[in-house]
Protein backbone atom coordinates (compact mmCIF):
# COMPACT_ATOMS: atom_id res chain seq x y z
CA MET A 1 10.93 12.88 31.14
CA ALA A 2 9.00 9.83 28.70
CA GLN A 3 11.35 7.82 26.60
CA HIS A 4 10.04 7.77 23.15
CA ARG A 5 8.76 4.25 22.14
CA PRO A 6 8.20 2.38 18.44
CA LEU A 7 4.54 1.32 18.49
CA ALA A 8 5.32 -2.28 17.59
CA HIS A 9 5.66 -2.15 22.11
CA LEU A 10 2.30 -0.82 22.60
CA HIS A 11 0.48 -3.64 21.28
CA THR A 12 -0.59 -7.09 22.58
CA THR A 13 -1.68 -8.61 19.87
CA PRO A 14 -1.28 -7.98 16.28
CA PRO A 15 -2.96 -5.13 14.64
CA THR A 16 -6.00 -6.58 12.26
CA GLU A 17 -7.30 -6.28 8.94
CA ALA A 18 -8.86 -3.83 10.21
CA ASP A 19 -6.78 -1.62 11.77
CA ILE A 20 -4.69 -1.68 8.57
CA VAL A 21 -8.13 -0.89 7.02
CA ALA A 22 -8.58 2.10 9.36
CA LEU A 23 -4.47 3.28 8.91
CA ALA A 24 -5.28 3.38 5.14
CA GLU A 25 -8.18 5.26 4.47
CA ARG A 26 -6.76 7.72 7.32
CA ALA A 27 -3.59 8.13 5.20
CA LEU A 28 -6.17 8.69 1.87
CA ALA A 29 -8.37 11.36 3.66
CA ALA A 30 -4.96 13.19 4.22
CA ILE A 31 -4.48 12.89 0.23
CA PRO A 32 -4.64 16.32 -1.14
CA GLU A 33 -7.92 16.42 -3.28
CA PRO A 34 -6.34 17.49 -6.85
CA LEU A 35 -4.63 13.77 -5.94
CA ARG A 36 -8.08 12.44 -4.47
CA ARG A 37 -10.39 12.87 -7.16
CA HIS A 38 -8.02 10.70 -9.26
CA ILE A 39 -8.49 7.84 -7.03
CA GLN A 40 -12.40 7.76 -6.89
CA GLY A 41 -12.79 4.46 -7.06
CA VAL A 42 -9.80 2.81 -6.74
CA GLY A 43 -10.59 -0.09 -3.67
CA ILE A 44 -8.47 -0.78 -0.68
CA GLN A 45 -8.47 -4.40 0.38
CA VAL A 46 -6.49 -6.36 2.59
CA GLU A 47 -5.16 -9.46 2.72
CA ASP A 48 -2.73 -11.42 5.38
CA LEU A 49 -0.19 -12.50 2.64
CA ALA A 50 -0.35 -12.04 -1.27
CA ASP A 51 -1.23 -15.42 -2.88
CA ASP A 52 1.52 -18.15 -5.04
CA ASP A 53 0.70 -16.95 -8.42
CA THR A 54 0.86 -12.55 -7.70
CA ILE A 55 4.24 -14.43 -5.66
CA ALA A 56 5.35 -15.90 -8.84
CA GLU A 57 3.90 -13.50 -10.82
CA MET A 58 6.27 -10.82 -9.71
CA GLU A 59 9.45 -12.41 -9.00
CA ILE A 60 9.37 -12.54 -5.68
CA GLU A 61 10.70 -15.38 -3.67
CA SER A 62 9.09 -14.61 0.27
CA PRO A 63 5.49 -13.14 0.30
CA TYR A 64 6.75 -11.12 3.34
CA ASP A 65 8.88 -9.45 0.51
CA LEU A 66 5.62 -7.45 -0.83
CA THR A 67 4.09 -4.82 1.01
CA GLY A 68 1.52 -3.75 -1.41
CA LEU A 69 0.34 -4.45 -5.45
CA TYR A 70 -1.73 -2.08 -7.02
CA ARG A 71 -3.80 -4.39 -9.87
CA GLY A 72 -5.23 -1.85 -12.70
CA THR A 73 -4.71 0.13 -15.40
CA PRO A 74 -2.71 2.88 -14.59
CA ILE A 75 -4.73 6.21 -15.66
CA GLY A 76 -2.47 7.51 -18.15
CA ALA A 77 -2.93 4.17 -20.05
CA ARG A 78 -6.78 4.38 -20.43
CA SER A 79 -8.82 5.27 -23.25
CA VAL A 80 -12.95 5.91 -23.80
CA MET A 81 -12.41 2.88 -26.39
CA ASP A 82 -11.37 0.16 -23.16
CA ILE A 83 -13.70 -2.16 -23.20
CA ALA A 84 -15.06 -2.93 -18.74
CA ARG A 85 -12.69 -4.20 -17.20
CA PRO A 86 -12.10 -4.83 -14.13
CA PRO A 87 -12.16 -2.32 -10.61
CA ASP A 88 -8.59 -1.05 -10.04
CA LEU A 89 -7.49 -2.51 -6.30
CA ILE A 90 -4.75 -1.50 -3.84
CA PHE A 91 -3.58 -4.90 -2.24
CA LEU A 92 -1.66 -3.82 1.13
CA TYR A 93 -0.38 -7.05 2.71
CA ARG A 94 -1.07 -6.94 6.09
CA LEU A 95 1.82 -9.81 7.52
CA ALA A 96 4.43 -8.48 5.55
CA ILE A 97 3.29 -5.14 6.79
CA LEU A 98 3.63 -6.16 10.44
CA LEU A 99 7.09 -7.63 9.59
CA GLU A 100 8.41 -4.48 8.41
CA TRP A 101 7.16 -2.30 10.74
CA ILE A 102 8.76 -4.71 14.25
CA GLU A 103 12.36 -5.03 12.02
CA THR A 104 12.04 -0.80 11.23
CA GLY A 105 10.48 -0.50 14.88
CA ALA A 106 8.51 2.34 12.11
CA ASP A 107 5.69 3.95 13.76
CA LEU A 108 3.19 1.97 11.56
CA ALA A 109 0.82 4.77 10.41
CA GLU A 110 3.68 5.61 8.26
CA LEU A 111 4.84 2.63 6.76
CA VAL A 112 0.80 1.76 5.86
CA ARG A 113 0.77 5.32 4.55
CA THR A 114 4.08 4.56 2.38
CA VAL A 115 2.99 1.88 1.09
CA LEU A 116 -0.29 3.04 -0.05
CA ILE A 117 0.99 6.00 -1.65
CA HIS A 118 3.55 4.43 -3.50
CA GLU A 119 0.45 1.89 -5.06
CA ILE A 120 -1.39 4.95 -5.92
CA ALA A 121 1.83 5.96 -7.52
CA HIS A 122 0.72 3.13 -9.87
CA HIS A 123 -2.35 4.40 -10.10
CA PHE A 124 -1.09 7.36 -11.63
CA GLY A 125 1.22 5.15 -14.40
CA PHE A 126 4.77 5.62 -11.92
CA SER A 127 7.48 2.85 -12.38
CA ASP A 128 8.99 1.98 -9.64
CA ALA A 129 12.18 2.78 -10.24
CA GLU A 130 10.76 7.06 -10.20
CA ILE A 131 9.00 6.13 -7.42
CA GLU A 132 12.05 5.44 -5.67
CA ARG A 133 13.58 8.54 -7.23
CA LEU A 134 10.74 10.60 -5.89
CA GLU A 135 11.58 9.38 -2.03
CA ARG A 136 15.11 10.30 -2.65
CA GLU A 137 14.68 13.71 -3.66
């Protein structure tokens, strides 16, 4: 009987930005339609790491500690009186995700899905504390 080995052991090269995008798109496709309808127009951008300004803004010591970030206006904070605003974006930080993948041995697809869902929750206006509470329940 074959022994289960974490996905990290199956790759000979690190997953690329395109690989992370494909995993994120697969995770998005699995979100129930009532929720998916509310995230239409939210872009997903994969970068290796968060830039220095973002790290400083988030008061994080290392860019490897930030796996994802939602930039935009949460749904509950929008108004018909809003002037044009930049598009909502979810950033996935590939090298930080890969480091967590290696350190935890988690399934990469599940890890990308978790980061993506966390950032989508911010799109809906949930705070980090609320998200953590929901994840515990």
